[in-house]
Protein backbone atom coordinates (compact mmCIF):
# COMPACT_ATOMS: atom_id res chain seq x y z
CA MET A 1 15.61 -12.42 -7.39
CA THR A 2 14.79 -11.72 -11.05
CA ASP A 3 16.92 -10.67 -13.94
CA ARG A 4 14.83 -7.62 -14.63
CA ALA A 5 16.03 -4.05 -14.16
CA PRO A 6 14.66 -2.09 -11.23
CA VAL A 7 11.89 0.47 -11.74
CA THR A 8 13.30 3.91 -12.31
CA LEU A 9 11.24 7.01 -12.77
CA ASN A 10 11.45 8.80 -16.07
CA THR A 11 10.86 12.55 -15.72
CA GLU A 12 10.95 13.35 -19.37
CA GLY A 13 7.78 14.64 -21.12
CA ALA A 14 5.01 12.74 -22.91
CA GLY A 15 6.07 10.59 -25.79
CA SER A 16 9.26 9.41 -24.15
CA LYS A 17 9.86 5.80 -23.53
CA PRO A 18 7.91 4.51 -20.43
CA ALA A 19 10.05 3.95 -17.30
CA VAL A 20 8.70 0.44 -16.86
CA ASN A 21 8.07 -2.29 -19.50
CA TYR A 22 5.14 -4.35 -18.30
CA ASP A 23 5.18 -6.70 -21.27
CA GLY A 24 5.06 -10.34 -20.10
CA ARG A 25 4.91 -9.53 -16.41
CA ARG A 26 2.40 -11.42 -14.26
CA PHE A 27 0.77 -9.86 -11.14
CA ARG A 28 -1.28 -11.18 -8.25
CA PRO A 29 -3.24 -9.34 -5.64
CA VAL A 30 -1.74 -8.91 -2.19
CA SER A 31 -4.59 -10.33 -0.12
CA ASP A 32 -5.58 -12.95 2.46
CA ASP A 33 -8.95 -13.34 0.74
CA PRO A 34 -8.77 -16.61 -1.34
CA GLU A 35 -11.17 -15.20 -3.95
CA GLU A 36 -8.66 -12.37 -4.62
CA ALA A 37 -5.35 -14.05 -3.94
CA GLY A 38 -6.16 -16.77 -6.54
CA ARG A 39 -6.43 -14.29 -9.33
CA SER A 40 -3.47 -13.40 -11.58
CA ALA A 41 -3.06 -11.01 -14.50
CA LEU A 42 -0.65 -11.08 -17.46
CA TYR A 43 0.18 -7.69 -18.77
CA ARG A 44 1.22 -6.88 -22.36
CA GLN A 45 2.74 -3.63 -23.58
CA GLN A 46 3.79 -2.05 -26.85
CA GLY A 47 5.06 1.54 -26.50
CA ASP A 48 2.69 3.25 -24.17
CA LEU A 49 -0.26 0.88 -25.06
CA LEU A 50 -1.09 -1.56 -22.21
CA TRP A 51 -3.46 -4.49 -22.22
CA GLY A 52 -3.84 -7.67 -20.28
CA GLU A 53 -5.97 -10.64 -19.22
CA PHE A 54 -6.73 -11.96 -15.75
CA SER A 55 -8.63 -14.80 -14.16
CA GLY A 56 -8.77 -16.96 -11.03
CA GLY A 57 -10.34 -16.72 -7.60
CA ASP A 58 -13.88 -15.40 -8.10
CA THR A 59 -13.13 -14.10 -11.62
CA ARG A 60 -13.85 -16.30 -14.62
CA ARG A 61 -12.23 -13.90 -17.11
CA GLY A 62 -11.13 -10.27 -17.16
CA VAL A 63 -9.49 -7.92 -19.62
CA LEU A 64 -7.87 -4.55 -19.36
CA ASN A 65 -6.89 -1.84 -21.85
CA GLY A 66 -5.06 1.38 -21.21
CA VAL A 67 -1.79 3.27 -21.21
CA CYS A 68 1.51 3.38 -19.45
CA ARG A 69 2.67 6.87 -18.67
CA PRO A 70 6.34 7.91 -18.98
CA ASP A 71 6.74 7.59 -15.18
CA GLY A 72 5.54 3.96 -15.31
CA SER A 73 2.10 4.66 -13.84
CA LEU A 74 -0.85 2.99 -15.45
CA GLU A 75 -4.33 4.13 -16.44
CA PHE A 76 -6.72 1.58 -17.73
CA ALA A 77 -10.39 0.39 -18.04
CA TYR A 78 -11.34 -3.20 -17.16
CA SER A 79 -14.22 -5.63 -17.50
CA MET A 80 -14.65 -8.99 -15.90
CA VAL A 81 -17.07 -11.82 -15.56
CA LYS A 82 -17.38 -13.14 -12.02
CA ALA A 83 -17.94 -16.74 -11.01
CA ASP A 84 -21.60 -16.04 -10.35
CA GLY A 85 -22.06 -14.52 -13.91
CA GLN A 86 -21.99 -10.85 -12.82
CA VAL A 87 -20.38 -8.58 -15.42
CA VAL A 88 -18.35 -5.81 -13.78
CA ILE A 89 -16.68 -2.81 -15.50
CA GLY A 90 -14.46 -0.09 -14.11
CA ARG A 91 -11.24 1.93 -14.31
CA CYS A 92 -7.98 1.87 -12.39
CA GLN A 93 -4.93 4.05 -11.87
CA SER A 94 -1.77 2.27 -10.70
CA GLU A 95 1.56 3.58 -9.31
CA PRO A 96 4.57 1.28 -9.36
CA THR A 97 7.26 0.92 -6.70
CA THR A 98 10.18 -1.49 -6.62
CA LEU A 99 10.33 -4.11 -3.95
CA PRO A 100 13.72 -5.04 -2.35
CA ASP A 101 13.99 -8.13 -4.55
CA GLY A 102 13.47 -6.05 -7.75
CA ARG A 103 9.77 -7.07 -8.32
CA ILE A 104 7.21 -4.41 -9.03
CA ARG A 105 4.39 -3.58 -6.57
CA LEU A 106 1.43 -1.70 -7.97
CA HIS A 107 -0.65 0.63 -5.69
CA GLU A 108 -4.09 0.67 -7.42
CA VAL A 109 -6.93 3.15 -6.99
CA TRP A 110 -10.00 1.64 -8.66
CA GLU A 111 -13.66 2.43 -9.36
CA ARG A 112 -16.42 0.15 -10.50
CA TYR A 113 -19.62 1.37 -12.26
CA GLY A 114 -23.27 0.32 -12.56
CA ALA A 115 -25.06 -2.09 -10.44
CA HIS A 116 -21.73 -3.14 -8.82
CA ALA A 117 -20.52 0.37 -8.10
CA ALA A 118 -17.67 0.57 -5.60
CA SER A 119 -14.28 2.14 -5.12
CA GLY A 120 -11.13 1.26 -3.30
CA VAL A 121 -7.39 0.77 -3.03
CA SER A 122 -5.64 -2.49 -3.60
CA TYR A 123 -2.10 -3.76 -4.27
CA LEU A 124 -0.66 -6.17 -6.81
CA GLU A 125 2.74 -7.74 -6.73
CA GLU A 126 4.75 -9.09 -9.61
CA VAL A 127 4.96 -12.94 -9.66
CA PRO A 128 8.60 -13.86 -10.13
CA PHE A 129 9.26 -16.09 -13.11
CA PRO A 130 11.73 -19.04 -12.90
CA ARG A 131 15.36 -18.16 -13.42
CA GLN A 132 16.19 -18.15 -17.10
CA ARG A 133 19.02 -19.99 -18.77
CA THR A 134 22.07 -17.96 -19.69
CA GLY A 135 21.22 -16.04 -22.89
CA ASP A 136 17.53 -15.93 -22.24
CA ALA A 137 16.10 -12.43 -22.17
CA GLY A 138 13.11 -13.09 -19.80
CA PRO A 139 9.68 -14.57 -20.06
CA SER A 140 8.15 -15.53 -23.33
CA GLY A 141 4.47 -14.96 -24.17
CA SER A 142 3.63 -18.20 -22.39
CA ASP A 143 2.65 -18.58 -18.78
CA ALA A 144 5.65 -17.66 -16.67
């Protein structure tokens, strides 16, 4: 169990504080495929601005940039370099839910463009970070 607050939906209009703070949270795909399951992403957030980096599995390096909506949903573009040197670009929309243990699960609807065009649905789950000492507010900017 983590020390993070559960996800609650914010029904106020645009410009309000997002319902979820993704800053410093790490996510992994929910998959039996080792090329996918080995990947992890670290999200950063400032206000509604969202960005992140990911790697592992069949991905050498990936980045994402987008926004967090007031209800906690995400909209972003991404690019990645695969292990075989392919460069892939696309976009994604993610909807958060809270798991029984308080972690976030993201339901992603994604689309890739160009020579690697594809679309699909996937799921990411938050990677729990080790319990913090009393007084610690959560994960730092380092790998959690």
